N, C-alpha and C. Protein backbone atom coordinates (compact mmCIF):
# COMPACT_ATOMS: atom_id res chain seq x y z
N MET A 1 0.70 -1.21 0.07
CA MET A 1 0.07 0.06 0.01
C MET A 1 0.94 1.33 0.04
N LYS A 2 0.53 2.25 -1.01
CA LYS A 2 1.15 3.50 -0.94
C LYS A 2 0.24 4.60 -0.50
N ILE A 3 0.82 5.52 0.57
CA ILE A 3 0.16 6.55 0.99
C ILE A 3 0.66 7.82 0.63
N GLY A 4 -0.02 8.66 -0.10
CA GLY A 4 0.34 9.96 -0.37
C GLY A 4 0.09 11.03 0.95
N VAL A 5 1.24 11.93 0.99
CA VAL A 5 1.03 12.75 2.22
C VAL A 5 1.41 14.05 1.76
N LEU A 6 0.57 15.08 2.24
CA LEU A 6 0.88 16.63 2.04
C LEU A 6 0.39 17.37 3.09
N SER A 7 0.89 18.62 3.19
CA SER A 7 0.47 19.41 4.36
C SER A 7 0.89 20.84 3.95
N ASP A 8 -0.01 21.79 4.65
CA ASP A 8 0.18 23.33 4.41
C ASP A 8 0.15 23.74 2.97
N THR A 9 -0.96 23.26 2.44
CA THR A 9 -1.18 23.71 0.92
C THR A 9 -1.49 25.42 0.96
N HIS A 10 -1.99 25.84 1.95
CA HIS A 10 -2.41 27.17 1.85
C HIS A 10 -2.90 27.81 0.57
N GLU A 11 -3.93 27.02 0.01
CA GLU A 11 -4.52 27.46 -1.23
C GLU A 11 -3.55 27.76 -2.50
N ASP A 12 -2.60 27.04 -2.46
CA ASP A 12 -1.64 27.10 -3.55
C ASP A 12 -2.14 26.25 -4.65
N VAL A 13 -2.93 26.86 -5.47
CA VAL A 13 -3.61 26.00 -6.55
C VAL A 13 -2.55 25.19 -7.29
N ARG A 14 -1.56 25.87 -7.75
CA ARG A 14 -0.44 25.14 -8.65
C ARG A 14 0.20 24.11 -7.91
N GLY A 15 0.41 24.27 -6.59
CA GLY A 15 1.08 23.22 -5.91
C GLY A 15 0.09 22.06 -5.58
N ILE A 16 -1.09 22.34 -5.44
CA ILE A 16 -2.19 21.19 -5.14
C ILE A 16 -2.29 20.46 -6.36
N LYS A 17 -2.36 20.96 -7.70
CA LYS A 17 -2.59 20.35 -8.85
C LYS A 17 -1.42 19.43 -8.99
N LYS A 18 -0.39 19.79 -8.81
CA LYS A 18 1.02 19.11 -8.90
C LYS A 18 1.01 17.94 -7.86
N ALA A 19 0.56 18.14 -6.71
CA ALA A 19 0.33 16.89 -5.83
C ALA A 19 -0.66 16.02 -6.27
N VAL A 20 -1.75 16.45 -6.58
CA VAL A 20 -2.64 15.67 -7.07
C VAL A 20 -2.30 14.80 -8.29
N SER A 21 -1.65 15.39 -9.19
CA SER A 21 -1.07 14.57 -10.33
C SER A 21 0.01 13.66 -9.99
N ALA A 22 0.76 13.93 -8.99
CA ALA A 22 1.80 13.07 -8.54
C ALA A 22 1.21 11.89 -7.89
N PHE A 23 0.34 12.18 -7.03
CA PHE A 23 -0.20 11.05 -6.28
C PHE A 23 -1.04 9.99 -7.18
N ASN A 24 -1.89 10.64 -8.21
CA ASN A 24 -2.57 9.84 -9.20
C ASN A 24 -1.65 9.00 -9.96
N ALA A 25 -0.34 9.51 -10.45
CA ALA A 25 0.51 8.87 -11.31
C ALA A 25 1.24 7.80 -10.40
N ALA A 26 1.30 7.99 -9.10
CA ALA A 26 2.14 7.07 -8.40
C ALA A 26 1.05 6.05 -7.65
N ASP A 27 -0.19 5.98 -8.25
CA ASP A 27 -1.01 5.04 -7.83
C ASP A 27 -1.12 4.59 -6.17
N VAL A 28 -1.22 5.79 -5.52
CA VAL A 28 -1.24 5.66 -4.13
C VAL A 28 -2.80 5.15 -3.74
N SER A 29 -2.93 4.57 -2.70
CA SER A 29 -4.33 4.13 -2.23
C SER A 29 -5.17 5.10 -1.33
N VAL A 30 -4.38 6.14 -0.78
CA VAL A 30 -5.08 6.94 0.15
C VAL A 30 -4.17 8.27 0.21
N VAL A 31 -4.62 9.49 0.27
CA VAL A 31 -3.98 10.65 0.55
C VAL A 31 -4.36 11.22 1.99
N ILE A 32 -3.24 11.49 2.64
CA ILE A 32 -3.35 12.26 3.84
C ILE A 32 -2.91 13.48 3.86
N HIS A 33 -3.72 14.43 4.46
CA HIS A 33 -3.33 15.97 4.61
C HIS A 33 -3.22 16.37 5.92
N ALA A 34 -2.18 16.90 6.40
CA ALA A 34 -1.91 17.28 7.73
C ALA A 34 -2.44 18.55 8.19
N GLY A 35 -3.26 19.29 7.27
CA GLY A 35 -3.84 20.44 7.70
C GLY A 35 -3.10 21.74 7.06
N ASP A 36 -4.01 22.77 7.20
CA ASP A 36 -3.93 24.12 6.61
C ASP A 36 -4.18 23.97 5.12
N ILE A 37 -5.14 23.50 4.52
CA ILE A 37 -5.73 23.48 3.42
C ILE A 37 -6.21 24.88 3.12
N ILE A 38 -6.82 25.59 4.06
CA ILE A 38 -7.43 26.71 4.11
C ILE A 38 -8.85 26.85 3.79
N SER A 39 -9.20 27.02 2.53
CA SER A 39 -10.49 27.27 1.91
C SER A 39 -11.20 26.01 1.32
N PRO A 40 -12.48 25.75 1.68
CA PRO A 40 -13.21 24.76 0.87
C PRO A 40 -13.13 24.85 -0.63
N ILE A 41 -12.89 26.15 -1.14
CA ILE A 41 -12.72 26.10 -2.51
C ILE A 41 -11.62 25.29 -3.21
N MET A 42 -10.76 24.83 -2.44
CA MET A 42 -9.80 23.91 -2.76
C MET A 42 -10.36 22.65 -3.23
N VAL A 43 -11.58 22.32 -2.82
CA VAL A 43 -12.12 20.92 -2.95
C VAL A 43 -12.23 20.78 -4.61
N LYS A 44 -12.26 21.96 -5.20
CA LYS A 44 -12.39 21.73 -6.82
C LYS A 44 -11.06 21.06 -7.27
N HIS A 45 -9.91 21.29 -6.73
CA HIS A 45 -8.96 20.64 -7.28
C HIS A 45 -8.43 19.25 -6.65
N LEU A 46 -8.78 19.34 -5.19
CA LEU A 46 -8.42 18.04 -4.45
C LEU A 46 -9.28 16.85 -4.86
N LYS A 47 -10.82 17.19 -5.44
CA LYS A 47 -11.52 16.09 -5.63
C LYS A 47 -11.04 15.30 -6.97
N GLU A 48 -9.95 15.96 -7.58
CA GLU A 48 -9.48 15.05 -8.71
C GLU A 48 -8.51 13.91 -8.38
N LEU A 49 -8.54 13.70 -7.17
CA LEU A 49 -7.67 12.54 -6.65
C LEU A 49 -8.43 11.50 -7.09
N LYS A 50 -7.72 10.36 -7.39
CA LYS A 50 -8.41 8.96 -7.71
C LYS A 50 -8.46 8.07 -6.61
N MET A 51 -8.09 8.74 -5.48
CA MET A 51 -8.19 7.72 -4.25
C MET A 51 -8.92 8.52 -3.11
N GLN A 52 -9.08 7.75 -1.93
CA GLN A 52 -9.65 8.47 -0.77
C GLN A 52 -8.80 9.68 -0.22
N PHE A 53 -9.37 10.65 0.23
CA PHE A 53 -8.74 11.72 0.81
C PHE A 53 -9.00 11.91 2.39
N ILE A 54 -8.08 11.82 3.23
CA ILE A 54 -8.16 12.09 4.52
C ILE A 54 -7.45 13.12 5.22
N ALA A 55 -8.01 14.03 5.81
CA ALA A 55 -7.25 15.40 6.49
C ALA A 55 -7.70 15.64 7.81
N VAL A 56 -6.70 16.46 8.40
CA VAL A 56 -7.14 16.99 9.81
C VAL A 56 -7.17 18.65 9.47
N PHE A 57 -7.96 19.24 10.16
CA PHE A 57 -7.94 20.73 10.35
C PHE A 57 -6.45 21.29 10.64
N GLY A 58 -6.09 22.31 10.12
CA GLY A 58 -4.93 23.06 10.81
C GLY A 58 -5.61 24.31 11.42
N ASN A 59 -4.47 25.00 12.07
CA ASN A 59 -4.71 26.27 12.70
C ASN A 59 -5.23 27.20 11.79
N ASN A 60 -4.98 27.22 10.36
CA ASN A 60 -5.54 28.38 9.68
C ASN A 60 -6.84 28.02 8.83
N ASP A 61 -7.26 26.86 8.94
CA ASP A 61 -8.31 26.27 8.17
C ASP A 61 -9.71 26.86 8.51
N GLY A 62 -10.51 27.62 7.67
CA GLY A 62 -11.84 28.14 8.31
C GLY A 62 -12.99 27.49 7.34
N GLU A 63 -14.07 27.94 7.58
CA GLU A 63 -15.24 27.54 7.00
C GLU A 63 -15.43 26.04 7.21
N LYS A 64 -15.39 25.65 8.36
CA LYS A 64 -15.46 24.16 8.80
C LYS A 64 -16.62 23.68 8.24
N ASN A 65 -17.69 24.24 8.67
CA ASN A 65 -19.15 23.72 8.02
C ASN A 65 -19.32 23.44 6.63
N LEU A 66 -18.80 24.40 5.87
CA LEU A 66 -18.79 24.32 4.31
C LEU A 66 -17.82 23.31 3.75
N TRP A 67 -16.67 23.15 4.67
CA TRP A 67 -16.00 21.86 4.26
C TRP A 67 -16.49 20.64 4.37
N ARG A 68 -17.31 20.61 5.59
CA ARG A 68 -17.97 19.30 5.74
C ARG A 68 -19.09 19.02 4.86
N LYS A 69 -19.70 20.06 4.31
CA LYS A 69 -20.69 19.96 3.19
C LYS A 69 -20.33 19.44 1.86
N ARG A 70 -18.98 19.92 1.68
CA ARG A 70 -18.14 19.67 0.24
C ARG A 70 -17.53 18.34 0.39
N LEU A 71 -17.50 17.69 1.36
CA LEU A 71 -16.72 16.29 1.37
C LEU A 71 -17.40 15.33 0.36
N GLY A 72 -18.78 15.51 0.08
CA GLY A 72 -19.52 14.51 -0.74
C GLY A 72 -19.05 14.58 -2.13
N GLU A 73 -18.27 15.71 -2.67
CA GLU A 73 -17.80 16.02 -3.86
C GLU A 73 -16.75 15.07 -4.29
N PHE A 74 -16.05 14.42 -3.32
CA PHE A 74 -14.89 13.75 -3.67
C PHE A 74 -15.47 12.25 -4.19
N LYS A 75 -14.96 11.85 -5.26
CA LYS A 75 -15.52 10.59 -5.85
C LYS A 75 -15.13 9.35 -5.18
N ASN A 76 -14.01 9.47 -4.60
CA ASN A 76 -13.61 8.20 -3.82
C ASN A 76 -13.49 8.37 -2.24
N GLY A 77 -14.34 9.25 -1.71
CA GLY A 77 -14.48 9.41 -0.39
C GLY A 77 -13.55 10.44 0.14
N ALA A 78 -13.95 11.18 1.36
CA ALA A 78 -13.04 12.11 1.89
C ALA A 78 -13.66 12.27 3.32
N HIS A 79 -12.65 12.36 4.32
CA HIS A 79 -12.86 12.48 5.67
C HIS A 79 -11.98 13.51 6.07
N LEU A 80 -12.68 14.39 7.10
CA LEU A 80 -11.85 15.65 7.61
C LEU A 80 -12.17 15.47 9.04
N HIS A 81 -11.18 15.49 9.88
CA HIS A 81 -11.10 15.52 11.31
C HIS A 81 -10.55 16.79 12.09
N GLU A 82 -11.06 17.03 13.05
CA GLU A 82 -10.62 18.22 13.91
C GLU A 82 -9.29 18.34 14.13
N ARG A 83 -8.69 17.95 15.08
CA ARG A 83 -7.34 18.27 15.58
C ARG A 83 -6.36 17.08 15.35
N TYR A 84 -7.01 15.95 15.25
CA TYR A 84 -6.08 14.76 15.20
C TYR A 84 -7.02 13.39 14.51
N LEU A 85 -6.40 12.55 14.03
CA LEU A 85 -6.80 11.29 13.63
C LEU A 85 -5.83 10.19 14.03
N ASP A 86 -6.47 9.22 14.83
CA ASP A 86 -5.96 8.02 15.33
C ASP A 86 -6.52 6.99 14.43
N THR A 87 -5.64 6.23 13.54
CA THR A 87 -6.26 5.46 12.79
C THR A 87 -5.26 4.38 12.13
N GLU A 88 -5.81 3.36 11.52
CA GLU A 88 -5.01 2.30 10.99
C GLU A 88 -5.04 2.44 9.50
N LEU A 89 -4.03 2.35 8.74
CA LEU A 89 -3.74 2.24 7.31
C LEU A 89 -2.86 1.17 6.99
N GLY A 90 -3.26 0.28 6.07
CA GLY A 90 -2.45 -0.85 5.64
C GLY A 90 -1.90 -1.75 6.65
N GLY A 91 -2.69 -1.76 7.76
CA GLY A 91 -2.07 -2.65 9.04
C GLY A 91 -1.09 -1.81 9.91
N LYS A 92 -0.96 -0.58 9.63
CA LYS A 92 -0.14 0.33 10.50
C LYS A 92 -0.71 1.41 11.24
N LYS A 93 -0.43 1.69 12.34
CA LYS A 93 -1.01 2.67 13.31
C LYS A 93 -0.58 3.98 13.03
N PHE A 94 -1.40 4.90 12.62
CA PHE A 94 -1.08 6.34 12.23
C PHE A 94 -1.62 7.31 13.14
N LEU A 95 -1.02 8.35 13.43
CA LEU A 95 -1.41 9.65 14.19
C LEU A 95 -1.41 10.62 13.37
N LEU A 96 -2.45 11.25 12.86
CA LEU A 96 -2.32 12.27 12.02
C LEU A 96 -2.70 13.73 12.68
N ILE A 97 -1.65 14.76 12.77
CA ILE A 97 -1.96 16.11 13.71
C ILE A 97 -1.43 17.13 12.63
N HIS A 98 -1.90 18.18 13.07
CA HIS A 98 -1.33 19.57 12.43
C HIS A 98 -0.33 20.12 13.17
N GLU A 99 -0.48 20.59 14.34
CA GLU A 99 0.50 21.17 15.31
C GLU A 99 1.29 20.08 16.05
N PRO A 100 2.62 20.17 16.16
CA PRO A 100 3.30 19.07 16.86
C PRO A 100 3.61 19.36 18.33
N ASP A 101 2.66 20.21 18.98
CA ASP A 101 2.73 20.41 20.29
C ASP A 101 3.00 19.32 21.26
N LEU A 102 2.38 18.16 20.94
CA LEU A 102 2.45 16.93 21.81
C LEU A 102 3.44 15.70 21.13
N LEU A 103 3.96 16.23 20.12
CA LEU A 103 4.86 15.12 19.19
C LEU A 103 5.64 14.23 20.16
N ASP A 104 6.56 14.82 21.11
CA ASP A 104 7.40 14.10 21.91
C ASP A 104 6.57 13.06 22.69
N SER A 105 5.51 13.54 23.27
CA SER A 105 4.85 12.60 24.21
C SER A 105 4.10 11.33 23.38
N CYS A 106 3.73 11.76 22.14
CA CYS A 106 3.20 10.74 21.29
C CYS A 106 4.19 9.86 20.88
N VAL A 107 5.35 10.24 20.55
CA VAL A 107 6.46 9.42 20.06
C VAL A 107 6.84 8.37 21.32
N ALA A 108 6.86 8.98 22.49
CA ALA A 108 7.22 8.32 23.60
C ALA A 108 6.11 7.29 24.14
N SER A 109 5.00 7.45 23.69
CA SER A 109 3.96 6.55 23.91
C SER A 109 4.18 5.26 23.22
N ALA A 110 4.93 5.19 22.12
CA ALA A 110 5.17 3.83 21.39
C ALA A 110 3.90 3.19 20.85
N ARG A 111 2.79 4.00 20.64
CA ARG A 111 1.62 3.45 20.25
C ARG A 111 1.46 3.54 18.64
N TYR A 112 2.41 4.34 17.99
CA TYR A 112 2.30 4.36 16.60
C TYR A 112 3.39 3.97 15.71
N ASP A 113 3.09 3.37 14.41
CA ASP A 113 4.06 3.25 13.61
C ASP A 113 4.51 4.54 12.77
N PHE A 114 3.44 5.44 12.57
CA PHE A 114 3.88 6.62 11.95
C PHE A 114 3.08 7.76 12.51
N ILE A 115 3.86 8.88 12.79
CA ILE A 115 3.11 10.07 13.20
C ILE A 115 3.51 11.18 12.08
N VAL A 116 2.40 11.50 11.47
CA VAL A 116 2.40 12.70 10.45
C VAL A 116 1.89 13.84 10.92
N TYR A 117 2.64 15.01 10.94
CA TYR A 117 2.26 16.31 11.15
C TYR A 117 2.65 17.34 10.24
N GLY A 118 2.16 18.58 10.40
CA GLY A 118 2.57 19.65 9.50
C GLY A 118 2.85 20.96 10.39
N HIS A 119 2.29 22.16 10.11
CA HIS A 119 2.35 23.42 10.82
C HIS A 119 3.67 23.98 10.47
N THR A 120 4.83 23.39 10.54
CA THR A 120 6.19 24.02 10.65
C THR A 120 6.49 24.31 9.31
N HIS A 121 6.08 23.78 8.20
CA HIS A 121 6.49 23.82 6.81
C HIS A 121 7.81 23.44 6.50
N VAL A 122 8.43 22.85 7.55
CA VAL A 122 9.68 22.25 7.19
C VAL A 122 9.76 20.52 7.24
N VAL A 123 10.39 20.12 6.27
CA VAL A 123 10.55 18.63 6.08
C VAL A 123 10.99 18.02 7.47
N ASP A 124 10.61 16.84 8.02
CA ASP A 124 11.09 16.35 9.14
C ASP A 124 10.72 14.73 8.86
N LEU A 125 11.83 14.03 8.77
CA LEU A 125 11.66 12.64 8.30
C LEU A 125 12.67 11.80 9.11
N ARG A 126 12.21 11.10 10.21
CA ARG A 126 13.18 10.41 11.00
C ARG A 126 12.46 9.24 11.81
N LYS A 127 13.13 8.33 12.39
CA LYS A 127 12.66 7.20 13.05
C LYS A 127 13.11 7.24 14.57
N ILE A 128 12.26 7.20 15.59
CA ILE A 128 12.61 7.06 16.90
C ILE A 128 11.95 5.95 17.27
N GLY A 129 12.82 4.89 17.76
CA GLY A 129 12.30 3.67 18.36
C GLY A 129 11.67 3.07 17.00
N GLU A 130 10.48 2.78 17.15
CA GLU A 130 9.60 1.97 16.04
C GLU A 130 8.91 2.82 15.33
N THR A 131 8.86 4.18 15.74
CA THR A 131 7.97 5.27 15.23
C THR A 131 8.68 6.13 13.97
N VAL A 132 8.02 6.08 12.86
CA VAL A 132 8.35 7.05 11.78
C VAL A 132 7.73 8.30 11.94
N ILE A 133 8.35 9.47 11.81
CA ILE A 133 7.92 10.75 12.25
C ILE A 133 8.12 11.54 10.82
N LEU A 134 7.00 11.95 10.44
CA LEU A 134 7.05 12.61 9.10
C LEU A 134 6.19 14.09 9.07
N ASN A 135 6.99 15.01 8.75
CA ASN A 135 6.27 16.32 8.27
C ASN A 135 6.72 16.50 6.73
N PRO A 136 5.72 16.39 5.89
CA PRO A 136 6.20 16.46 4.33
C PRO A 136 6.56 17.60 4.02
N GLY A 137 6.63 18.71 4.75
CA GLY A 137 6.93 19.86 4.38
C GLY A 137 5.77 20.81 4.02
N GLU A 138 5.89 21.61 2.97
CA GLU A 138 4.74 22.63 2.62
C GLU A 138 4.62 22.38 1.10
N VAL A 139 3.33 22.18 0.78
CA VAL A 139 3.06 22.25 -0.83
C VAL A 139 2.98 23.66 -1.31
N CYS A 140 2.84 24.72 -0.53
CA CYS A 140 2.80 26.06 -0.92
C CYS A 140 4.07 26.74 -1.06
N GLY A 141 5.24 26.13 -0.51
CA GLY A 141 6.42 26.75 -0.84
C GLY A 141 6.56 28.21 -0.15
N LEU A 142 5.77 28.60 0.75
CA LEU A 142 5.73 30.08 1.21
C LEU A 142 6.98 30.39 2.34
N VAL A 143 7.34 29.23 3.08
CA VAL A 143 8.25 29.63 4.06
C VAL A 143 9.61 29.00 3.62
N THR A 144 9.86 27.90 2.94
CA THR A 144 11.04 27.42 2.62
C THR A 144 11.40 27.56 1.10
N GLY A 145 10.43 27.97 0.39
CA GLY A 145 10.67 28.08 -1.05
C GLY A 145 10.46 26.99 -1.82
N LYS A 146 10.24 25.65 -1.18
CA LYS A 146 10.27 24.43 -1.89
C LYS A 146 8.76 23.85 -1.53
N SER A 147 8.32 23.41 -2.72
CA SER A 147 6.91 22.72 -2.78
C SER A 147 7.25 21.34 -2.64
N THR A 148 6.76 20.73 -1.57
CA THR A 148 7.31 19.16 -1.17
C THR A 148 5.90 18.54 -0.89
N ALA A 149 6.12 17.11 -1.12
CA ALA A 149 4.97 16.20 -0.54
C ALA A 149 5.84 14.94 -0.34
N ALA A 150 4.94 13.84 0.09
CA ALA A 150 5.67 12.55 0.34
C ALA A 150 4.86 11.37 -0.10
N ILE A 151 5.49 10.27 -0.09
CA ILE A 151 4.71 8.84 -0.41
C ILE A 151 5.49 7.96 0.67
N ILE A 152 4.53 7.27 1.26
CA ILE A 152 5.06 6.27 2.18
C ILE A 152 4.61 4.88 1.58
N ASP A 153 5.56 3.94 1.20
CA ASP A 153 5.52 2.85 0.52
C ASP A 153 5.57 1.69 1.74
N LEU A 154 4.25 1.22 2.13
CA LEU A 154 4.34 0.29 3.33
C LEU A 154 4.98 -0.99 2.93
N GLU A 155 4.89 -1.45 1.76
CA GLU A 155 5.32 -2.70 1.29
C GLU A 155 6.75 -2.80 1.45
N LYS A 156 7.30 -1.71 0.95
CA LYS A 156 8.91 -1.59 0.93
C LYS A 156 9.42 -0.96 2.16
N GLY A 157 8.55 -0.51 2.93
CA GLY A 157 8.98 0.32 4.12
C GLY A 157 9.82 1.62 3.90
N VAL A 158 9.47 2.18 2.69
CA VAL A 158 10.31 3.41 2.41
C VAL A 158 9.33 4.62 2.46
N THR A 159 9.94 5.76 3.03
CA THR A 159 9.07 6.93 3.07
C THR A 159 10.00 8.01 2.17
N THR A 160 9.38 8.62 1.16
CA THR A 160 10.18 9.63 0.35
C THR A 160 9.52 10.87 0.39
N VAL A 161 10.30 11.94 0.55
CA VAL A 161 9.74 13.39 0.61
C VAL A 161 10.40 13.85 -0.77
N PHE A 162 9.50 14.46 -1.57
CA PHE A 162 10.01 14.93 -2.92
C PHE A 162 9.44 16.31 -3.17
N LEU A 163 10.33 16.98 -4.23
CA LEU A 163 9.95 18.34 -4.69
C LEU A 163 8.75 18.18 -5.73
N LEU A 164 7.61 18.93 -5.55
CA LEU A 164 6.64 18.62 -6.67
C LEU A 164 7.18 19.33 -7.87
N ASP A 165 8.06 20.16 -8.00
CA ASP A 165 8.47 20.82 -9.34
C ASP A 165 9.25 19.69 -10.07
N THR A 166 9.92 19.06 -9.59
CA THR A 166 10.98 18.27 -10.33
C THR A 166 10.90 16.71 -10.07
N MET A 167 10.15 16.45 -8.97
CA MET A 167 10.05 14.97 -8.42
C MET A 167 11.41 14.53 -7.68
N ALA A 168 12.21 15.38 -7.57
CA ALA A 168 13.50 15.05 -7.02
C ALA A 168 13.33 14.77 -5.52
N THR A 169 14.17 13.75 -5.02
CA THR A 169 14.02 13.35 -3.79
C THR A 169 14.67 14.32 -2.74
N VAL A 170 14.00 14.75 -1.79
CA VAL A 170 14.50 15.49 -0.81
C VAL A 170 14.85 14.90 0.53
N ALA A 171 14.23 13.90 0.90
CA ALA A 171 14.52 12.93 2.01
C ALA A 171 14.10 11.69 1.76
N GLU A 172 14.84 10.63 2.26
CA GLU A 172 14.16 9.32 2.13
C GLU A 172 14.59 8.45 3.46
N LEU A 173 13.79 7.46 3.97
CA LEU A 173 13.83 6.77 5.06
C LEU A 173 13.41 5.37 4.87
N ASN A 174 14.35 4.39 4.96
CA ASN A 174 13.93 3.02 4.93
C ASN A 174 13.92 2.61 6.32
N ALA A 175 12.60 2.31 6.78
CA ALA A 175 12.22 1.98 8.01
C ALA A 175 12.33 0.46 8.32
N LYS A 176 12.75 -0.24 7.37
CA LYS A 176 12.76 -1.89 7.65
C LYS A 176 14.03 -2.19 8.25
């Protein structure tokens, strides 16, 4: 199973379209977004995903009621959660959050195979104990100047963060 990961899109239509295209081409099974999509208007572009879309709200996301109303426009299903999502994907335990305030405590709990977060706009890919920690960076490129996303390949045990403009690898972790 492959999982597409993005965060901090901040209404960057160009970046969102590139991420959607990359995930559709990579044949990922699900896309998770770690928050700060911003406006429900972005559904117009995100609904082009050929797979399920799962997200958490970020600190800048507004119009939450309209977001919930527009989830039905996604052809392959969409779920949007408030501050966090504790779930299982491909037999692995995931925690999806936006702000990393409790990141250290969550890692120390050893409850998760993957903790995915956003908010800082900075790529973070590392393994502590048995937990892979991933911040895919920012799709919008506003803070770092780099538009990035990630793919987690559960079968291979490899997580790759890549530039959306060139598909070049920024960071890679083999967790096996």
